[in-house]
C-alpha cells in the first residue's frame, strides 16, 4: 500500500515539474522572441523570468504578455 501511494506522489510531482519547466521555457522564449527591442523591457523581463523562475514566468504571463499582445498583436 505504501509503495502505491509513493508511486502516485512521485508521478504527480514529476508531472508538475515537467509542466512547470515547459511553462517557464515557453515564457522565456515568448519574451525573447516577441518583446520589442526598443528600450530595456526585453532584457528586464528575461532577467525577471530567469531569476524568479516560476514566479517570474507567472508575472510575465499575467502582467506583461496581455499588454504586449494588445500593443503589438503578437
PDB file of N, CA and C in Angstrom:
ATOM      1  N   UNK A   1       0.821  -1.198   0.000  1.00  0.00           N
ATOM      2  CA  UNK A   1       0.000   0.000   0.000  1.00  0.00           C
ATOM      3  C   UNK A   1       0.862   1.259   0.000  1.00  0.00           C
ATOM      4  N   UNK A   2       1.882   1.246   0.833  1.00  0.00           N
ATOM      5  CA  UNK A   2       2.751   2.416   0.923  1.00  0.00           C
ATOM      6  C   UNK A   2       3.463   2.678  -0.394  1.00  0.00           C
ATOM      7  N   UNK A   3       3.852   1.672  -1.114  1.00  0.00           N
ATOM      8  CA  UNK A   3       4.582   1.856  -2.360  1.00  0.00           C
ATOM      9  C   UNK A   3       3.681   2.425  -3.463  1.00  0.00           C
ATOM     10  N   UNK A   4       2.407   2.086  -3.460  1.00  0.00           N
ATOM     11  CA  UNK A   4       1.484   2.625  -4.459  1.00  0.00           C
ATOM     12  C   UNK A   4       1.289   4.123  -4.230  1.00  0.00           C
ATOM     13  N   UNK A   5       1.120   4.513  -2.980  1.00  0.00           N
ATOM     14  CA  UNK A   5       0.967   5.931  -2.653  1.00  0.00           C
ATOM     15  C   UNK A   5       2.239   6.687  -3.006  1.00  0.00           C
ATOM     16  N   UNK A   6       3.383   6.112  -2.707  1.00  0.00           N
ATOM     17  CA  UNK A   6       4.659   6.743  -3.049  1.00  0.00           C
ATOM     18  C   UNK A   6       4.803   6.896  -4.556  1.00  0.00           C
ATOM     19  N   UNK A   7       4.403   5.891  -5.301  1.00  0.00           N
ATOM     20  CA  UNK A   7       4.479   5.948  -6.756  1.00  0.00           C
ATOM     21  C   UNK A   7       3.561   7.036  -7.306  1.00  0.00           C
ATOM     22  N   UNK A   8       2.356   7.125  -6.785  1.00  0.00           N
ATOM     23  CA  UNK A   8       1.408   8.153  -7.231  1.00  0.00           C
ATOM     24  C   UNK A   8       1.945   9.544  -6.927  1.00  0.00           C
ATOM     25  N   UNK A   9       2.474   9.742  -5.728  1.00  0.00           N
ATOM     26  CA  UNK A   9       3.053  11.041  -5.377  1.00  0.00           C
ATOM     27  C   UNK A   9       4.256  11.373  -6.251  1.00  0.00           C
ATOM     28  N   UNK A  10       5.075  10.379  -6.541  1.00  0.00           N
ATOM     29  CA  UNK A  10       6.223  10.596  -7.408  1.00  0.00           C
ATOM     30  C   UNK A  10       5.783  10.999  -8.808  1.00  0.00           C
ATOM     31  N   UNK A  11       4.802  10.300  -9.359  1.00  0.00           N
ATOM     32  CA  UNK A  11       4.316  10.623 -10.702  1.00  0.00           C
ATOM     33  C   UNK A  11       3.663  11.995 -10.746  1.00  0.00           C
ATOM     34  N   UNK A  12       2.920  12.343  -9.703  1.00  0.00           N
ATOM     35  CA  UNK A  12       2.305  13.665  -9.631  1.00  0.00           C
ATOM     36  C   UNK A  12       3.368  14.756  -9.585  1.00  0.00           C
ATOM     37  N   UNK A  13       4.366  14.583  -8.742  1.00  0.00           N
ATOM     38  CA  UNK A  13       5.418  15.600  -8.647  1.00  0.00           C
ATOM     39  C   UNK A  13       6.253  15.657  -9.924  1.00  0.00           C
ATOM     40  N   UNK A  14       6.462  14.535 -10.583  1.00  0.00           N
ATOM     41  CA  UNK A  14       7.179  14.523 -11.853  1.00  0.00           C
ATOM     42  C   UNK A  14       6.387  15.276 -12.922  1.00  0.00           C
ATOM     43  N   UNK A  15       5.099  15.039 -12.997  1.00  0.00           N
ATOM     44  CA  UNK A  15       4.249  15.732 -13.968  1.00  0.00           C
ATOM     45  C   UNK A  15       4.222  17.229 -13.687  1.00  0.00           C
ATOM     46  N   UNK A  16       4.108  17.604 -12.417  1.00  0.00           N
ATOM     47  CA  UNK A  16       4.107  19.019 -12.044  1.00  0.00           C
ATOM     48  C   UNK A  16       5.433  19.677 -12.425  1.00  0.00           C
ATOM     49  N   UNK A  17       6.534  19.006 -12.181  1.00  0.00           N
ATOM     50  CA  UNK A  17       7.851  19.550 -12.502  1.00  0.00           C
ATOM     51  C   UNK A  17       8.028  19.731 -14.005  1.00  0.00           C
ATOM     52  N   UNK A  18       7.589  18.762 -14.778  1.00  0.00           N
ATOM     53  CA  UNK A  18       7.695  18.869 -16.236  1.00  0.00           C
ATOM     54  C   UNK A  18       6.825  20.018 -16.749  1.00  0.00           C
ATOM     55  N   UNK A  19       5.593  20.131 -16.249  1.00  0.00           N
ATOM     56  CA  UNK A  19       4.706  21.220 -16.669  1.00  0.00           C
ATOM     57  C   UNK A  19       5.270  22.583 -16.274  1.00  0.00           C
ATOM     58  N   UNK A  20       5.810  22.682 -15.077  1.00  0.00           N
ATOM     59  CA  UNK A  20       6.433  23.925 -14.631  1.00  0.00           C
ATOM     60  C   UNK A  20       7.588  24.298 -15.552  1.00  0.00           C
ATOM     61  N   UNK A  21       8.462  23.333 -15.880  1.00  0.00           N
ATOM     62  CA  UNK A  21       9.618  23.602 -16.719  1.00  0.00           C
ATOM     63  C   UNK A  21       9.190  24.024 -18.122  1.00  0.00           C
ATOM     64  N   UNK A  22       8.194  23.345 -18.684  1.00  0.00           N
ATOM     65  CA  UNK A  22       7.699  23.698 -20.016  1.00  0.00           C
ATOM     66  C   UNK A  22       7.116  25.107 -20.013  1.00  0.00           C
ATOM     67  N   UNK A  23       6.344  25.455 -18.986  1.00  0.00           N
ATOM     68  CA  UNK A  23       5.774  26.793 -18.879  1.00  0.00           C
ATOM     69  C   UNK A  23       6.874  27.839 -18.760  1.00  0.00           C
ATOM     70  N   UNK A  24       7.885  27.576 -17.948  1.00  0.00           N
ATOM     71  CA  UNK A  24       8.991  28.505 -17.748  1.00  0.00           C
ATOM     72  C   UNK A  24       9.751  28.750 -19.056  1.00  0.00           C
ATOM     73  N   UNK A  25      10.065  27.672 -19.772  1.00  0.00           N
ATOM     74  CA  UNK A  25      10.767  27.800 -21.054  1.00  0.00           C
ATOM     75  C   UNK A  25       9.891  28.534 -22.072  1.00  0.00           C
ATOM     76  N   UNK A  26       8.602  28.225 -22.090  1.00  0.00           N
ATOM     77  CA  UNK A  26       7.673  28.883 -23.014  1.00  0.00           C
ATOM     78  C   UNK A  26       7.649  30.388 -22.781  1.00  0.00           C
ATOM     79  N   UNK A  27       7.574  30.828 -21.530  1.00  0.00           N
ATOM     80  CA  UNK A  27       7.538  32.248 -21.228  1.00  0.00           C
ATOM     81  C   UNK A  27       8.869  32.923 -21.550  1.00  0.00           C
ATOM     82  N   UNK A  28       9.973  32.248 -21.301  1.00  0.00           N
ATOM     83  CA  UNK A  28      11.283  32.815 -21.616  1.00  0.00           C
ATOM     84  C   UNK A  28      11.438  32.976 -23.129  1.00  0.00           C
ATOM     85  N   UNK A  29      11.067  31.976 -23.888  1.00  0.00           N
ATOM     86  CA  UNK A  29      11.146  32.064 -25.354  1.00  0.00           C
ATOM     87  C   UNK A  29      10.188  33.130 -25.873  1.00  0.00           C
ATOM     88  N   UNK A  30       8.979  33.179 -25.322  1.00  0.00           N
ATOM     89  CA  UNK A  30       7.999  34.192 -25.722  1.00  0.00           C
ATOM     90  C   UNK A  30       8.553  35.592 -25.494  1.00  0.00           C
ATOM     91  N   UNK A  31       9.172  35.797 -24.347  1.00  0.00           N
ATOM     92  CA  UNK A  31       9.750  37.099 -24.022  1.00  0.00           C
ATOM     93  C   UNK A  31      10.875  37.448 -24.987  1.00  0.00           C
ATOM     94  N   UNK A  32      11.797  36.536 -25.189  1.00  0.00           N
ATOM     95  CA  UNK A  32      12.956  36.818 -26.034  1.00  0.00           C
ATOM     96  C   UNK A  32      12.586  36.969 -27.505  1.00  0.00           C
ATOM     97  N   UNK A  33      11.543  36.286 -27.928  1.00  0.00           N
ATOM     98  CA  UNK A  33      11.166  36.306 -29.339  1.00  0.00           C
ATOM     99  C   UNK A  33      10.244  37.478 -29.700  1.00  0.00           C
ATOM    100  N   UNK A  34       9.289  37.792 -28.833  1.00  0.00           N
ATOM    101  CA  UNK A  34       8.244  38.741 -29.207  1.00  0.00           C
ATOM    102  C   UNK A  34       8.299  40.104 -28.532  1.00  0.00           C
ATOM    103  N   UNK A  35       9.060  40.257 -27.469  1.00  0.00           N
ATOM    104  CA  UNK A  35       9.158  41.569 -26.840  1.00  0.00           C
ATOM    105  C   UNK A  35       9.853  42.535 -27.787  1.00  0.00           C
ATOM    106  N   UNK A  36       9.349  43.759 -27.903  1.00  0.00           N
ATOM    107  CA  UNK A  36      10.020  44.748 -28.762  1.00  0.00           C
ATOM    108  C   UNK A  36      11.436  45.031 -28.252  1.00  0.00           C
ATOM    109  N   UNK A  37      12.337  45.304 -29.185  1.00  0.00           N
ATOM    110  CA  UNK A  37      13.738  45.542 -28.829  1.00  0.00           C
ATOM    111  C   UNK A  37      14.007  46.964 -28.362  1.00  0.00           C
ATOM    112  N   UNK A  38      13.039  47.849 -28.489  1.00  0.00           N
ATOM    113  CA  UNK A  38      13.225  49.215 -28.033  1.00  0.00           C
ATOM    114  C   UNK A  38      13.242  49.251 -26.510  1.00  0.00           C
ATOM    115  N   UNK A  39      14.148  50.006 -25.959  1.00  0.00           N
ATOM    116  CA  UNK A  39      14.236  50.120 -24.502  1.00  0.00           C
ATOM    117  C   UNK A  39      14.830  48.872 -23.883  1.00  0.00           C
ATOM    118  N   UNK A  40      14.632  48.744 -22.586  1.00  0.00           N
ATOM    119  CA  UNK A  40      15.208  47.628 -21.842  1.00  0.00           C
ATOM    120  C   UNK A  40      14.177  46.602 -21.394  1.00  0.00           C
ATOM    121  N   UNK A  41      12.954  46.700 -21.878  1.00  0.00           N
ATOM    122  CA  UNK A  41      11.893  45.798 -21.422  1.00  0.00           C
ATOM    123  C   UNK A  41      12.235  44.333 -21.644  1.00  0.00           C
ATOM    124  N   UNK A  42      12.774  44.023 -22.818  1.00  0.00           N
ATOM    125  CA  UNK A  42      13.090  42.629 -23.126  1.00  0.00           C
ATOM    126  C   UNK A  42      14.130  42.083 -22.152  1.00  0.00           C
ATOM    127  N   UNK A  43      15.175  42.846 -21.904  1.00  0.00           N
ATOM    128  CA  UNK A  43      16.244  42.400 -21.003  1.00  0.00           C
ATOM    129  C   UNK A  43      15.729  42.271 -19.578  1.00  0.00           C
ATOM    130  N   UNK A  44      14.975  43.260 -19.127  1.00  0.00           N
ATOM    131  CA  UNK A  44      14.466  43.247 -17.750  1.00  0.00           C
ATOM    132  C   UNK A  44      13.537  42.057 -17.531  1.00  0.00           C
ATOM    133  N   UNK A  45      12.607  41.829 -18.459  1.00  0.00           N
ATOM    134  CA  UNK A  45      11.681  40.707 -18.296  1.00  0.00           C
ATOM    135  C   UNK A  45      12.395  39.371 -18.383  1.00  0.00           C
ATOM    136  N   UNK A  46      13.396  39.257 -19.247  1.00  0.00           N
ATOM    137  CA  UNK A  46      14.150  38.000 -19.336  1.00  0.00           C
ATOM    138  C   UNK A  46      14.878  37.729 -18.027  1.00  0.00           C
ATOM    139  N   UNK A  47      15.475  38.761 -17.436  1.00  0.00           N
ATOM    140  CA  UNK A  47      16.165  38.595 -16.151  1.00  0.00           C
ATOM    141  C   UNK A  47      15.173  38.222 -15.055  1.00  0.00           C
ATOM    142  N   UNK A  48      14.004  38.865 -15.054  1.00  0.00           N
ATOM    143  CA  UNK A  48      12.973  38.546 -14.058  1.00  0.00           C
ATOM    144  C   UNK A  48      12.537  37.081 -14.198  1.00  0.00           C
ATOM    145  N   UNK A  49      12.315  36.636 -15.411  1.00  0.00           N
ATOM    146  CA  UNK A  49      11.895  35.251 -15.632  1.00  0.00           C
ATOM    147  C   UNK A  49      12.983  34.277 -15.200  1.00  0.00           C
ATOM    148  N   UNK A  50      14.228  34.588 -15.526  1.00  0.00           N
ATOM    149  CA  UNK A  50      15.324  33.693 -15.173  1.00  0.00           C
ATOM    150  C   UNK A  50      15.562  33.650 -13.673  1.00  0.00           C
ATOM    151  N   UNK A  51      15.579  34.804 -13.020  1.00  0.00           N
ATOM    152  CA  UNK A  51      15.908  34.848 -11.598  1.00  0.00           C
ATOM    153  C   UNK A  51      14.767  34.388 -10.692  1.00  0.00           C
ATOM    154  N   UNK A  52      13.542  34.724 -11.047  1.00  0.00           N
ATOM    155  CA  UNK A  52      12.412  34.383 -10.182  1.00  0.00           C
ATOM    156  C   UNK A  52      11.731  33.073 -10.569  1.00  0.00           C
ATOM    157  N   UNK A  53      12.216  32.443 -11.629  1.00  0.00           N
ATOM    158  CA  UNK A  53      11.732  31.137 -12.068  1.00  0.00           C
ATOM    159  C   UNK A  53      10.210  31.130 -12.260  1.00  0.00           C
ATOM    160  N   UNK A  54       9.491  30.322 -11.490  1.00  0.00           N
ATOM    161  CA  UNK A  54       8.039  30.163 -11.687  1.00  0.00           C
ATOM    162  C   UNK A  54       7.304  31.468 -11.432  1.00  0.00           C
ATOM    163  N   UNK A  55       7.686  32.190 -10.404  1.00  0.00           N
ATOM    164  CA  UNK A  55       7.024  33.462 -10.103  1.00  0.00           C
ATOM    165  C   UNK A  55       7.261  34.468 -11.221  1.00  0.00           C
ATOM    166  N   UNK A  56       8.477  34.545 -11.736  1.00  0.00           N
ATOM    167  CA  UNK A  56       8.784  35.454 -12.835  1.00  0.00           C
ATOM    168  C   UNK A  56       8.010  35.111 -14.096  1.00  0.00           C
ATOM    169  N   UNK A  57       7.931  33.823 -14.411  1.00  0.00           N
ATOM    170  CA  UNK A  57       7.174  33.393 -15.590  1.00  0.00           C
ATOM    171  C   UNK A  57       5.691  33.704 -15.424  1.00  0.00           C
ATOM    172  N   UNK A  58       5.176  33.473 -14.230  1.00  0.00           N
ATOM    173  CA  UNK A  58       3.769  33.762 -13.965  1.00  0.00           C
ATOM    174  C   UNK A  58       3.490  35.261 -14.025  1.00  0.00           C
ATOM    175  N   UNK A  59       4.378  36.067 -13.467  1.00  0.00           N
ATOM    176  CA  UNK A  59       4.230  37.522 -13.549  1.00  0.00           C
ATOM    177  C   UNK A  59       4.237  37.992 -14.999  1.00  0.00           C
ATOM    178  N   UNK A  60       5.160  37.476 -15.783  1.00  0.00           N
ATOM    179  CA  UNK A  60       5.220  37.852 -17.195  1.00  0.00           C
ATOM    180  C   UNK A  60       3.927  37.469 -17.908  1.00  0.00           C
ATOM    181  N   UNK A  61       3.435  36.265 -17.640  1.00  0.00           N
ATOM    182  CA  UNK A  61       2.226  35.778 -18.293  1.00  0.00           C
ATOM    183  C   UNK A  61       1.003  36.618 -17.927  1.00  0.00           C
ATOM    184  N   UNK A  62       0.911  37.028 -16.674  1.00  0.00           N
ATOM    185  CA  UNK A  62      -0.271  37.755 -16.205  1.00  0.00           C
ATOM    186  C   UNK A  62      -0.165  39.255 -16.461  1.00  0.00           C
ATOM    187  N   UNK A  63       1.016  39.831 -16.252  1.00  0.00           N
ATOM    188  CA  UNK A  63       1.165  41.287 -16.297  1.00  0.00           C
ATOM    189  C   UNK A  63       1.571  41.785 -17.681  1.00  0.00           C
ATOM    190  N   UNK A  64       2.645  41.285 -18.210  1.00  0.00           N
ATOM    191  CA  UNK A  64       3.229  41.872 -19.416  1.00  0.00           C
ATOM    192  C   UNK A  64       2.679  41.298 -20.723  1.00  0.00           C
ATOM    193  N   UNK A  65       2.513  40.011 -20.801  1.00  0.00           N
ATOM    194  CA  UNK A  65       2.132  39.371 -22.063  1.00  0.00           C
ATOM    195  C   UNK A  65       0.822  39.914 -22.631  1.00  0.00           C
ATOM    196  N   UNK A  66      -0.266  40.036 -21.851  1.00  0.00           N
ATOM    197  CA  UNK A  66      -1.511  40.594 -22.432  1.00  0.00           C
ATOM    198  C   UNK A  66      -1.334  42.031 -22.930  1.00  0.00           C
ATOM    199  N   UNK A  67      -0.536  42.814 -22.206  1.00  0.00           N
ATOM    200  CA  UNK A  67      -0.292  44.197 -22.619  1.00  0.00           C
ATOM    201  C   UNK A  67       0.482  44.226 -23.939  1.00  0.00           C
ATOM    202  N   UNK A  68       1.492  43.361 -24.064  1.00  0.00           N
ATOM    203  CA  UNK A  68       2.275  43.302 -25.294  1.00  0.00           C
ATOM    204  C   UNK A  68       1.424  42.850 -26.469  1.00  0.00           C
ATOM    205  N   UNK A  69       0.581  41.867 -26.241  1.00  0.00           N
ATOM    206  CA  UNK A  69      -0.285  41.363 -27.320  1.00  0.00           C
ATOM    207  C   UNK A  69      -1.253  42.455 -27.761  1.00  0.00           C
ATOM    208  N   UNK A  70      -1.761  43.221 -26.815  1.00  0.00           N
ATOM    209  CA  UNK A  70      -2.669  44.312 -27.147  1.00  0.00           C
ATOM    210  C   UNK A  70      -1.941  45.391 -27.958  1.00  0.00           C
ATOM    211  N   UNK A  71      -0.687  45.688 -27.611  1.00  0.00           N
ATOM    212  CA  UNK A  71       0.072  46.732 -28.285  1.00  0.00           C
ATOM    213  C   UNK A  71       0.572  46.305 -29.658  1.00  0.00           C
ATOM    214  N   UNK A  72       1.153  45.116 -29.750  1.00  0.00           N
ATOM    215  CA  UNK A  72       1.812  44.706 -30.990  1.00  0.00           C
ATOM    216  C   UNK A  72       1.045  43.658 -31.785  1.00  0.00           C
ATOM    217  N   UNK A  73       0.088  42.990 -31.177  1.00  0.00           N
ATOM    218  CA  UNK A  73      -0.640  41.950 -31.859  1.00  0.00           C
ATOM    219  C   UNK A  73       0.076  40.623 -31.927  1.00  0.00           C
ATOM    220  N   UNK A  74       1.178  40.513 -31.180  1.00  0.00           N
ATOM    221  CA  UNK A  74       1.945  39.247 -31.165  1.00  0.00           C
ATOM    222  C   UNK A  74       1.922  38.654 -29.799  1.00  0.00           C
TER     223      UNK A  74
END
